[in-house]
Amino acid sequence: MPTRSPARGVAGHLSVANETPGSAEPVEELPAEEPPVAEPPVAEPPVAELPAEELATGELATEPPPAAAEQPDAAAEQLSALAARVGRLETAAERIADLSARLDWLGGEVAALHLRLETIATFERFHDLVLTRHASQPYRPPAAGRLDARDFQETTEGVYSLEYDPNGVAFRWTGPGQFTRFSFFVDRSVPLRVHLTLLLPGRLTETDVMAADIDGVAYPFAPTGSDGTYVAGPVPPRAGGVQTDVLLHVPVLFTPEGGGDNRRLGVAFTSIALEPAA
C-alpha cells in the first residue's frame, strides 16, 4: 500500500510522495495559502441631512443653492452699473462737444468785437484830426448820406443780422415790426429824396406801398425800375439841425415757411440813402 511521507520543515510546506511500486518520484511542493490582507476602509461621503418637510413628503427641493442663484444676479448688477457709467460718459462727451462749439462761436464773436472796436478807435482818431485841422472853419454837414447793410450794428433795432446772397451781396431783413428807423446827418438846406434798394421785396404786392416818414410826413415809395430800387420825396428843406430820421414803413410782414425760421420779416434791403433832389 502507498504510504504518506512525513511532514518536513517548519515553514508550512508540505511534500507529498506518491509511492508506487517500483518508483519514488518527488511531488512538486505547493505554496501554502497566504492569509488575506485586510484593505483599508473607504470613507463614504457624508450624506446631507434633508429637511423635515422633504423627509415627510419624499420630494426633493428643485431650487438651486443660494450661492448659485446669487452669482447671476451679481453679474447682472455689475453689467447694469457698467452700462450706466458708459451712458454718463457719453452724455459728458456730448456736453463737452457742445461747450467746445459754443467756445468756438464765442471766440469768433470776440474777434469780431475787437475788429469793431479797432474800427471805432480809428474813426475817432480821424474825427479828432479833422476837427483839429478845421477848428477855425464853420461846420457844414455833407450834402448826402448813405447806409449800406454792412453799416449797422448787430444790436440795431428794426433790422436783423447781416446776410449774404449766393453772389456775395450783403443784405439785411427789416423786422420784426413794420417800422425801421434810419438816421442821417446831412445838409437840410436843400430838398432831398430817399433812395431805397431792395434785394427781396418779401410778400409785398403791387398794391402794398412802402413809405418814408420824415418830420412827421409820410412820403410813399415808387419803383424806379426792375432792379429793386425805390424813391420817395422830395422832402422840403428844413432850418436848423443836421440829423434827419427816416422811418421806413413796410406794411406786410411774413414768417418763412418750413418751420426753421420763426422771424417776422419785412423786406431785404442792401442800402438806403438820403440825397439832394436836384
C-alpha atoms as a PDB file:
ATOM      1  CA  MET A   1       0.000   0.000   0.000  1.00  0.00           C
ATOM      2  CA  PRO A   2       1.236   3.517  -0.659  1.00  0.00           C
ATOM      3  CA  THR A   3       2.320   5.381   2.426  1.00  0.00           C
ATOM      4  CA  ARG A   4       2.199   9.246   3.112  1.00  0.00           C
ATOM      5  CA  SER A   5       5.614  10.750   3.758  1.00  0.00           C
ATOM      6  CA  PRO A   6       6.045  12.583   6.969  1.00  0.00           C
ATOM      7  CA  ALA A   7       5.833  16.452   7.056  1.00  0.00           C
ATOM      8  CA  ARG A   8       9.049  18.416   6.543  1.00  0.00           C
ATOM      9  CA  GLY A   9      10.192  21.768   7.749  1.00  0.00           C
ATOM     10  CA  VAL A  10       8.546  24.426   9.825  1.00  0.00           C
ATOM     11  CA  ALA A  11       7.581  26.869   7.046  1.00  0.00           C
ATOM     12  CA  GLY A  12       4.405  25.043   6.418  1.00  0.00           C
ATOM     13  CA  HIS A  13       5.400  23.499   3.091  1.00  0.00           C
ATOM     14  CA  LEU A  14       4.114  20.023   2.521  1.00  0.00           C
ATOM     15  CA  SER A  15       5.702  17.389   0.359  1.00  0.00           C
ATOM     16  CA  VAL A  16       3.602  14.515  -0.797  1.00  0.00           C
ATOM     17  CA  ALA A  17       5.148  11.450  -2.422  1.00  0.00           C
ATOM     18  CA  ASN A  18       3.065   9.005  -4.236  1.00  0.00           C
ATOM     19  CA  GLU A  19       4.789   5.784  -3.756  1.00  0.00           C
ATOM     20  CA  THR A  20       4.038   3.310  -6.375  1.00  0.00           C
ATOM     21  CA  PRO A  21       5.637   0.066  -6.720  1.00  0.00           C
ATOM     22  CA  GLY A  22       9.000   0.417  -8.336  1.00  0.00           C
ATOM     23  CA  SER A  23       9.064   4.274  -8.345  1.00  0.00           C
ATOM     24  CA  ALA A  24       9.828   7.086  -5.864  1.00  0.00           C
ATOM     25  CA  GLU A  25       9.362  10.399  -7.779  1.00  0.00           C
ATOM     26  CA  PRO A  26       9.057  13.559  -5.638  1.00  0.00           C
ATOM     27  CA  VAL A  27       5.879  15.607  -5.882  1.00  0.00           C
ATOM     28  CA  GLU A  28       6.160  19.391  -6.539  1.00  0.00           C
ATOM     29  CA  GLU A  29       5.748  21.389  -3.413  1.00  0.00           C
ATOM     30  CA  LEU A  30       2.747  23.768  -3.374  1.00  0.00           C
ATOM     31  CA  PRO A  31       2.970  27.046  -1.504  1.00  0.00           C
ATOM     32  CA  ALA A  32       0.702  27.402   1.387  1.00  0.00           C
ATOM     33  CA  GLU A  33      -2.185  29.838   1.012  1.00  0.00           C
ATOM     34  CA  GLU A  34      -1.313  33.256   2.422  1.00  0.00           C
ATOM     35  CA  PRO A  35      -3.791  34.855   4.763  1.00  0.00           C
ATOM     36  CA  PRO A  36      -5.908  37.640   3.087  1.00  0.00           C
ATOM     37  CA  VAL A  37      -4.687  41.200   3.635  1.00  0.00           C
ATOM     38  CA  ALA A  38      -7.357  43.493   5.017  1.00  0.00           C
ATOM     39  CA  GLU A  39      -7.984  46.572   2.788  1.00  0.00           C
ATOM     40  CA  PRO A  40      -8.330  49.963   4.471  1.00  0.00           C
ATOM     41  CA  PRO A  41     -11.935  51.106   4.779  1.00  0.00           C
ATOM     42  CA  VAL A  42     -13.092  53.679   2.138  1.00  0.00           C
ATOM     43  CA  ALA A  43     -14.616  56.773   3.628  1.00  0.00           C
ATOM     44  CA  GLU A  44     -18.076  57.373   2.235  1.00  0.00           C
ATOM     45  CA  PRO A  45     -19.122  60.970   1.529  1.00  0.00           C
ATOM     46  CA  PRO A  46     -21.307  62.459   4.164  1.00  0.00           C
ATOM     47  CA  VAL A  47     -24.962  62.370   3.375  1.00  0.00           C
ATOM     48  CA  ALA A  48     -26.622  65.756   3.603  1.00  0.00           C
ATOM     49  CA  GLU A  49     -29.432  65.846   6.019  1.00  0.00           C
ATOM     50  CA  LEU A  50     -32.742  66.546   4.354  1.00  0.00           C
ATOM     51  CA  PRO A  51     -35.196  68.993   5.798  1.00  0.00           C
ATOM     52  CA  ALA A  52     -38.087  67.586   7.750  1.00  0.00           C
ATOM     53  CA  GLU A  53     -40.592  68.656   5.053  1.00  0.00           C
ATOM     54  CA  GLU A  54     -38.723  66.756   2.343  1.00  0.00           C
ATOM     55  CA  LEU A  55     -38.465  63.693   4.614  1.00  0.00           C
ATOM     56  CA  ALA A  56     -42.191  63.881   5.229  1.00  0.00           C
ATOM     57  CA  THR A  57     -43.225  64.344   1.585  1.00  0.00           C
ATOM     58  CA  GLY A  58     -40.459  62.329  -0.011  1.00  0.00           C
ATOM     59  CA  GLU A  59     -39.842  65.098  -2.609  1.00  0.00           C
ATOM     60  CA  LEU A  60     -36.529  66.858  -3.092  1.00  0.00           C
ATOM     61  CA  ALA A  61     -36.227  70.639  -3.492  1.00  0.00           C
ATOM     62  CA  THR A  62     -35.612  71.791  -7.080  1.00  0.00           C
ATOM     63  CA  GLU A  63     -34.375  75.329  -6.294  1.00  0.00           C
ATOM     64  CA  PRO A  64     -30.651  75.935  -6.911  1.00  0.00           C
ATOM     65  CA  PRO A  65     -28.390  76.535  -3.970  1.00  0.00           C
ATOM     66  CA  PRO A  66     -28.376  80.149  -2.737  1.00  0.00           C
ATOM     67  CA  ALA A  67     -24.821  80.753  -3.914  1.00  0.00           C
ATOM     68  CA  ALA A  68     -25.598  79.574  -7.447  1.00  0.00           C
ATOM     69  CA  ALA A  69     -28.637  81.871  -7.656  1.00  0.00           C
ATOM     70  CA  GLU A  70     -26.811  84.911  -6.321  1.00  0.00           C
ATOM     71  CA  GLN A  71     -23.921  84.761  -8.807  1.00  0.00           C
ATOM     72  CA  PRO A  72     -26.006  85.618 -11.959  1.00  0.00           C
ATOM     73  CA  ASP A  73     -27.767  88.409 -10.060  1.00  0.00           C
ATOM     74  CA  ALA A  74     -24.441  89.931  -9.018  1.00  0.00           C
ATOM     75  CA  ALA A  75     -23.134  89.742 -12.594  1.00  0.00           C
ATOM     76  CA  ALA A  76     -26.293  91.407 -13.905  1.00  0.00           C
ATOM     77  CA  GLU A  77     -25.959  94.213 -11.365  1.00  0.00           C
ATOM     78  CA  GLN A  78     -22.335  94.799 -12.397  1.00  0.00           C
ATOM     79  CA  LEU A  79     -23.308  94.918 -16.076  1.00  0.00           C
ATOM     80  CA  SER A  80     -26.112  97.369 -15.309  1.00  0.00           C
ATOM     81  CA  ALA A  81     -23.760  99.601 -13.330  1.00  0.00           C
ATOM     82  CA  LEU A  82     -21.205  99.474 -16.157  1.00  0.00           C
ATOM     83  CA  ALA A  83     -23.876 100.407 -18.736  1.00  0.00           C
ATOM     84  CA  ALA A  84     -24.940 103.340 -16.550  1.00  0.00           C
ATOM     85  CA  ARG A  85     -21.349 104.567 -16.358  1.00  0.00           C
ATOM     86  CA  VAL A  86     -20.955 104.283 -20.121  1.00  0.00           C
ATOM     87  CA  GLY A  87     -24.161 106.297 -20.581  1.00  0.00           C
ATOM     88  CA  ARG A  88     -22.899 109.016 -18.258  1.00  0.00           C
ATOM     89  CA  LEU A  89     -19.592 109.146 -20.139  1.00  0.00           C
ATOM     90  CA  GLU A  90     -21.400 109.508 -23.466  1.00  0.00           C
ATOM     91  CA  THR A  91     -23.554 112.305 -22.053  1.00  0.00           C
ATOM     92  CA  ALA A  92     -20.469 114.050 -20.704  1.00  0.00           C
ATOM     93  CA  ALA A  93     -18.751 113.723 -24.087  1.00  0.00           C
ATOM     94  CA  GLU A  94     -21.756 115.300 -25.830  1.00  0.00           C
ATOM     95  CA  ARG A  95     -21.773 118.184 -23.359  1.00  0.00           C
ATOM     96  CA  ILE A  96     -18.058 118.735 -23.845  1.00  0.00           C
ATOM     97  CA  ALA A  97     -18.514 118.815 -27.621  1.00  0.00           C
ATOM     98  CA  ASP A  98     -21.384 121.308 -27.255  1.00  0.00           C
ATOM     99  CA  LEU A  99     -19.314 123.520 -24.952  1.00  0.00           C
ATOM    100  CA  SER A 100     -16.412 123.372 -27.396  1.00  0.00           C
ATOM    101  CA  ALA A 101     -18.662 124.523 -30.238  1.00  0.00           C
ATOM    102  CA  ARG A 102     -20.003 127.366 -28.091  1.00  0.00           C
ATOM    103  CA  LEU A 103     -16.497 128.431 -27.141  1.00  0.00           C
ATOM    104  CA  ASP A 104     -15.526 128.492 -30.823  1.00  0.00           C
ATOM    105  CA  TRP A 105     -18.563 130.660 -31.580  1.00  0.00           C
ATOM    106  CA  LEU A 106     -17.765 132.995 -28.682  1.00  0.00           C
ATOM    107  CA  GLY A 107     -14.193 133.233 -29.899  1.00  0.00           C
ATOM    108  CA  GLY A 108     -15.447 134.408 -33.289  1.00  0.00           C
ATOM    109  CA  GLU A 109     -17.756 136.945 -31.660  1.00  0.00           C
ATOM    110  CA  VAL A 110     -14.918 138.295 -29.521  1.00  0.00           C
ATOM    111  CA  ALA A 111     -12.682 138.608 -32.585  1.00  0.00           C
ATOM    112  CA  ALA A 112     -15.432 140.476 -34.457  1.00  0.00           C
ATOM    113  CA  LEU A 113     -15.953 142.754 -31.447  1.00  0.00           C
ATOM    114  CA  HIS A 114     -12.239 143.564 -31.317  1.00  0.00           C
ATOM    115  CA  LEU A 115     -12.331 144.426 -35.017  1.00  0.00           C
ATOM    116  CA  ARG A 116     -15.279 146.755 -34.490  1.00  0.00           C
ATOM    117  CA  LEU A 117     -13.587 148.451 -31.556  1.00  0.00           C
ATOM    118  CA  GLU A 118     -10.478 148.992 -33.647  1.00  0.00           C
ATOM    119  CA  THR A 119     -12.639 150.482 -36.407  1.00  0.00           C
ATOM    120  CA  ILE A 120     -14.334 152.830 -33.937  1.00  0.00           C
ATOM    121  CA  ALA A 121     -10.974 153.854 -32.488  1.00  0.00           C
ATOM    122  CA  THR A 122      -9.651 154.592 -35.994  1.00  0.00           C
ATOM    123  CA  PHE A 123     -12.741 156.635 -36.785  1.00  0.00           C
ATOM    124  CA  GLU A 124     -12.334 158.637 -33.584  1.00  0.00           C
ATOM    125  CA  ARG A 125      -8.698 159.390 -34.421  1.00  0.00           C
ATOM    126  CA  PHE A 126      -9.648 160.691 -37.867  1.00  0.00           C
ATOM    127  CA  HIS A 127     -12.524 162.632 -36.334  1.00  0.00           C
ATOM    128  CA  ASP A 128     -10.198 164.364 -33.902  1.00  0.00           C
ATOM    129  CA  LEU A 129      -7.740 165.050 -36.711  1.00  0.00           C
ATOM    130  CA  VAL A 130     -10.412 166.657 -38.894  1.00  0.00           C
ATOM    131  CA  LEU A 131     -11.725 168.798 -36.046  1.00  0.00           C
ATOM    132  CA  THR A 132      -8.202 169.955 -35.228  1.00  0.00           C
ATOM    133  CA  ARG A 133      -7.425 170.977 -38.812  1.00  0.00           C
ATOM    134  CA  HIS A 134     -10.755 172.721 -39.419  1.00  0.00           C
ATOM    135  CA  ALA A 135     -11.458 174.144 -35.979  1.00  0.00           C
ATOM    136  CA  SER A 136     -11.378 177.700 -37.311  1.00  0.00           C
ATOM    137  CA  GLN A 137     -13.873 176.937 -40.119  1.00  0.00           C
ATOM    138  CA  PRO A 138     -17.655 176.636 -39.588  1.00  0.00           C
ATOM    139  CA  TYR A 139     -19.006 173.081 -39.735  1.00  0.00           C
ATOM    140  CA  ARG A 140     -21.036 172.212 -42.806  1.00  0.00           C
ATOM    141  CA  PRO A 141     -22.747 168.805 -42.937  1.00  0.00           C
ATOM    142  CA  PRO A 142     -22.414 166.594 -46.010  1.00  0.00           C
ATOM    143  CA  ALA A 143     -24.871 167.061 -48.837  1.00  0.00           C
ATOM    144  CA  ALA A 144     -25.916 163.386 -48.868  1.00  0.00           C
ATOM    145  CA  GLY A 145     -25.805 160.306 -46.685  1.00  0.00           C
ATOM    146  CA  ARG A 146     -25.842 156.582 -47.437  1.00  0.00           C
ATOM    147  CA  LEU A 147     -26.202 153.498 -45.252  1.00  0.00           C
ATOM    148  CA  ASP A 148     -25.293 150.043 -46.548  1.00  0.00           C
ATOM    149  CA  ALA A 149     -26.341 146.758 -44.962  1.00  0.00           C
ATOM    150  CA  ARG A 150     -22.817 146.378 -43.518  1.00  0.00           C
ATOM    151  CA  ASP A 151     -23.003 149.733 -41.701  1.00  0.00           C
ATOM    152  CA  PHE A 152     -25.409 148.577 -38.978  1.00  0.00           C
ATOM    153  CA  GLN A 153     -24.534 147.132 -35.601  1.00  0.00           C
ATOM    154  CA  GLU A 154     -25.988 143.763 -34.680  1.00  0.00           C
ATOM    155  CA  THR A 155     -27.935 145.442 -31.878  1.00  0.00           C
ATOM    156  CA  THR A 156     -29.691 147.933 -34.169  1.00  0.00           C
ATOM    157  CA  GLU A 157     -33.438 147.761 -33.684  1.00  0.00           C
ATOM    158  CA  GLY A 158     -35.678 147.134 -36.660  1.00  0.00           C
ATOM    159  CA  VAL A 159     -33.163 145.084 -38.693  1.00  0.00           C
ATOM    160  CA  TYR A 160     -31.851 141.533 -38.464  1.00  0.00           C
ATOM    161  CA  SER A 161     -28.316 140.204 -38.719  1.00  0.00           C
ATOM    162  CA  LEU A 162     -26.222 140.670 -41.837  1.00  0.00           C
ATOM    163  CA  GLU A 163     -26.671 138.013 -44.535  1.00  0.00           C
ATOM    164  CA  TYR A 164     -25.229 137.320 -47.987  1.00  0.00           C
ATOM    165  CA  ASP A 165     -26.883 136.015 -51.125  1.00  0.00           C
ATOM    166  CA  PRO A 166     -25.171 133.379 -53.350  1.00  0.00           C
ATOM    167  CA  ASN A 167     -23.440 136.187 -55.272  1.00  0.00           C
ATOM    168  CA  GLY A 168     -21.912 137.650 -52.124  1.00  0.00           C
ATOM    169  CA  VAL A 169     -24.256 140.656 -51.914  1.00  0.00           C
ATOM    170  CA  ALA A 170     -24.763 141.782 -48.309  1.00  0.00           C
ATOM    171  CA  PHE A 171     -28.308 142.486 -47.139  1.00  0.00           C
ATOM    172  CA  ARG A 172     -30.491 142.690 -44.042  1.00  0.00           C
ATOM    173  CA  TRP A 173     -34.133 141.935 -43.404  1.00  0.00           C
ATOM    174  CA  THR A 174     -36.326 144.520 -41.736  1.00  0.00           C
ATOM    175  CA  GLY A 175     -38.490 143.397 -38.817  1.00  0.00           C
ATOM    176  CA  PRO A 176     -39.940 142.188 -36.564  1.00  0.00           C
ATOM    177  CA  GLY A 177     -42.081 145.347 -36.659  1.00  0.00           C
ATOM    178  CA  GLN A 178     -43.385 147.344 -39.598  1.00  0.00           C
ATOM    179  CA  PHE A 179     -41.209 150.413 -38.864  1.00  0.00           C
ATOM    180  CA  THR A 180     -37.434 150.742 -39.091  1.00  0.00           C
ATOM    181  CA  ARG A 181     -35.579 153.950 -38.216  1.00  0.00           C
ATOM    182  CA  PHE A 182     -32.563 155.221 -40.193  1.00  0.00           C
ATOM    183  CA  SER A 183     -30.631 158.324 -39.023  1.00  0.00           C
ATOM    184  CA  PHE A 184     -28.718 160.612 -41.397  1.00  0.00           C
ATOM    185  CA  PHE A 185     -26.562 163.699 -40.803  1.00  0.00           C
ATOM    186  CA  VAL A 186     -26.941 165.735 -43.977  1.00  0.00           C
ATOM    187  CA  ASP A 187     -27.439 169.284 -45.129  1.00  0.00           C
ATOM    188  CA  ARG A 188     -31.141 170.151 -44.885  1.00  0.00           C
ATOM    189  CA  SER A 189     -30.893 173.458 -46.696  1.00  0.00           C
ATOM    190  CA  VAL A 190     -31.914 171.813 -49.989  1.00  0.00           C
ATOM    191  CA  PRO A 191     -34.751 169.387 -50.970  1.00  0.00           C
ATOM    192  CA  LEU A 192     -33.896 165.705 -50.509  1.00  0.00           C
ATOM    193  CA  ARG A 193     -35.058 162.328 -51.801  1.00  0.00           C
ATOM    194  CA  VAL A 194     -34.872 158.899 -50.166  1.00  0.00           C
ATOM    195  CA  HIS A 195     -33.402 156.095 -52.313  1.00  0.00           C
ATOM    196  CA  LEU A 196     -34.028 152.501 -51.189  1.00  0.00           C
ATOM    197  CA  THR A 197     -32.514 149.417 -52.849  1.00  0.00           C
ATOM    198  CA  LEU A 198     -34.155 146.045 -52.176  1.00  0.00           C
ATOM    199  CA  LEU A 199     -32.774 142.587 -52.791  1.00  0.00           C
ATOM    200  CA  LEU A 200     -36.058 140.860 -51.943  1.00  0.00           C
ATOM    201  CA  PRO A 201     -39.450 142.554 -51.594  1.00  0.00           C
ATOM    202  CA  GLY A 202     -40.759 139.962 -49.150  1.00  0.00           C
ATOM    203  CA  ARG A 203     -44.508 139.476 -49.568  1.00  0.00           C
ATOM    204  CA  LEU A 204     -45.243 142.935 -50.976  1.00  0.00           C
ATOM    205  CA  THR A 205     -47.610 143.122 -53.917  1.00  0.00           C
ATOM    206  CA  GLU A 206     -48.292 145.942 -56.366  1.00  0.00           C
ATOM    207  CA  THR A 207     -50.989 147.299 -54.076  1.00  0.00           C
ATOM    208  CA  ASP A 208     -48.736 147.319 -50.993  1.00  0.00           C
ATOM    209  CA  VAL A 209     -46.928 150.649 -50.797  1.00  0.00           C
ATOM    210  CA  MET A 210     -43.910 151.340 -48.593  1.00  0.00           C
ATOM    211  CA  ALA A 211     -43.431 154.834 -47.204  1.00  0.00           C
ATOM    212  CA  ALA A 212     -40.703 157.005 -45.629  1.00  0.00           C
ATOM    213  CA  ASP A 213     -41.869 159.119 -42.713  1.00  0.00           C
ATOM    214  CA  ILE A 214     -39.698 162.270 -42.349  1.00  0.00           C
ATOM    215  CA  ASP A 215     -40.503 165.138 -39.992  1.00  0.00           C
ATOM    216  CA  GLY A 216     -43.945 163.649 -39.435  1.00  0.00           C
ATOM    217  CA  VAL A 217     -44.867 163.456 -43.121  1.00  0.00           C
ATOM    218  CA  ALA A 218     -45.207 160.139 -44.997  1.00  0.00           C
ATOM    219  CA  TYR A 219     -43.629 160.016 -48.459  1.00  0.00           C
ATOM    220  CA  PRO A 220     -44.659 156.899 -50.467  1.00  0.00           C
ATOM    221  CA  PHE A 221     -42.005 154.921 -52.308  1.00  0.00           C
ATOM    222  CA  ALA A 222     -42.306 154.317 -56.019  1.00  0.00           C
ATOM    223  CA  PRO A 223     -40.195 151.833 -58.014  1.00  0.00           C
ATOM    224  CA  THR A 224     -37.765 153.381 -60.467  1.00  0.00           C
ATOM    225  CA  GLY A 225     -37.188 150.213 -62.495  1.00  0.00           C
ATOM    226  CA  SER A 226     -36.987 146.447 -62.292  1.00  0.00           C
ATOM    227  CA  ASP A 227     -33.681 146.381 -60.378  1.00  0.00           C
ATOM    228  CA  GLY A 228     -35.286 146.752 -56.942  1.00  0.00           C
ATOM    229  CA  THR A 229     -34.695 150.500 -56.482  1.00  0.00           C
ATOM    230  CA  TYR A 230     -37.365 152.774 -54.970  1.00  0.00           C
ATOM    231  CA  VAL A 231     -37.506 156.522 -54.424  1.00  0.00           C
ATOM    232  CA  ALA A 232     -39.570 158.755 -52.107  1.00  0.00           C
ATOM    233  CA  GLY A 233     -39.827 162.518 -51.934  1.00  0.00           C
ATOM    234  CA  PRO A 234     -38.866 165.233 -52.491  1.00  0.00           C
ATOM    235  CA  VAL A 235     -38.504 166.231 -48.855  1.00  0.00           C
ATOM    236  CA  PRO A 236     -38.557 170.021 -48.379  1.00  0.00           C
ATOM    237  CA  PRO A 237     -35.656 171.885 -46.747  1.00  0.00           C
ATOM    238  CA  ARG A 238     -35.595 172.434 -43.031  1.00  0.00           C
ATOM    239  CA  ALA A 239     -33.955 175.113 -40.936  1.00  0.00           C
ATOM    240  CA  GLY A 240     -31.812 174.095 -38.002  1.00  0.00           C
ATOM    241  CA  GLY A 241     -30.254 170.784 -37.094  1.00  0.00           C
ATOM    242  CA  VAL A 242     -28.450 168.266 -39.270  1.00  0.00           C
ATOM    243  CA  GLN A 243     -29.907 164.943 -38.052  1.00  0.00           C
ATOM    244  CA  THR A 244     -32.724 163.572 -40.142  1.00  0.00           C
ATOM    245  CA  ASP A 245     -34.586 160.418 -39.121  1.00  0.00           C
ATOM    246  CA  VAL A 246     -36.168 158.371 -41.888  1.00  0.00           C
ATOM    247  CA  LEU A 247     -38.847 155.992 -40.594  1.00  0.00           C
ATOM    248  CA  LEU A 248     -39.334 153.217 -43.149  1.00  0.00           C
ATOM    249  CA  HIS A 249     -42.807 151.660 -43.120  1.00  0.00           C
ATOM    250  CA  VAL A 250     -43.260 148.129 -44.567  1.00  0.00           C
ATOM    251  CA  PRO A 251     -46.981 147.275 -44.453  1.00  0.00           C
ATOM    252  CA  VAL A 252     -46.674 143.479 -44.905  1.00  0.00           C
ATOM    253  CA  LEU A 253     -44.713 141.071 -42.698  1.00  0.00           C
ATOM    254  CA  PHE A 254     -44.332 137.294 -43.056  1.00  0.00           C
ATOM    255  CA  THR A 255     -42.688 134.269 -41.454  1.00  0.00           C
ATOM    256  CA  PRO A 256     -40.745 131.929 -43.770  1.00  0.00           C
ATOM    257  CA  GLU A 257     -42.342 128.564 -44.424  1.00  0.00           C
ATOM    258  CA  GLY A 258     -40.731 125.331 -43.296  1.00  0.00           C
ATOM    259  CA  GLY A 259     -40.555 125.940 -39.554  1.00  0.00           C
ATOM    260  CA  GLY A 260     -36.815 126.523 -39.376  1.00  0.00           C
ATOM    261  CA  ASP A 261     -37.044 130.327 -39.294  1.00  0.00           C
ATOM    262  CA  ASN A 262     -39.527 131.935 -36.906  1.00  0.00           C
ATOM    263  CA  ARG A 263     -38.597 135.540 -37.642  1.00  0.00           C
ATOM    264  CA  ARG A 264     -41.162 138.107 -38.791  1.00  0.00           C
ATOM    265  CA  LEU A 265     -39.624 139.629 -41.898  1.00  0.00           C
ATOM    266  CA  GLY A 266     -40.418 142.701 -43.967  1.00  0.00           C
ATOM    267  CA  VAL A 267     -38.118 143.425 -46.922  1.00  0.00           C
ATOM    268  CA  ALA A 268     -34.457 142.579 -47.587  1.00  0.00           C
ATOM    269  CA  PHE A 269     -32.549 145.799 -48.368  1.00  0.00           C
ATOM    270  CA  THR A 270     -28.960 146.405 -49.417  1.00  0.00           C
ATOM    271  CA  SER A 271     -28.806 150.192 -48.944  1.00  0.00           C
ATOM    272  CA  ILE A 272     -30.788 153.333 -48.171  1.00  0.00           C
ATOM    273  CA  ALA A 273     -29.638 156.896 -48.997  1.00  0.00           C
ATOM    274  CA  LEU A 274     -30.753 160.477 -48.467  1.00  0.00           C
ATOM    275  CA  GLU A 275     -29.586 162.649 -51.370  1.00  0.00           C
ATOM    276  CA  PRO A 276     -30.337 166.080 -52.849  1.00  0.00           C
ATOM    277  CA  ALA A 277     -33.441 166.046 -55.050  1.00  0.00           C
ATOM    278  CA  ALA A 278     -31.878 168.106 -57.826  1.00  0.00           C
END
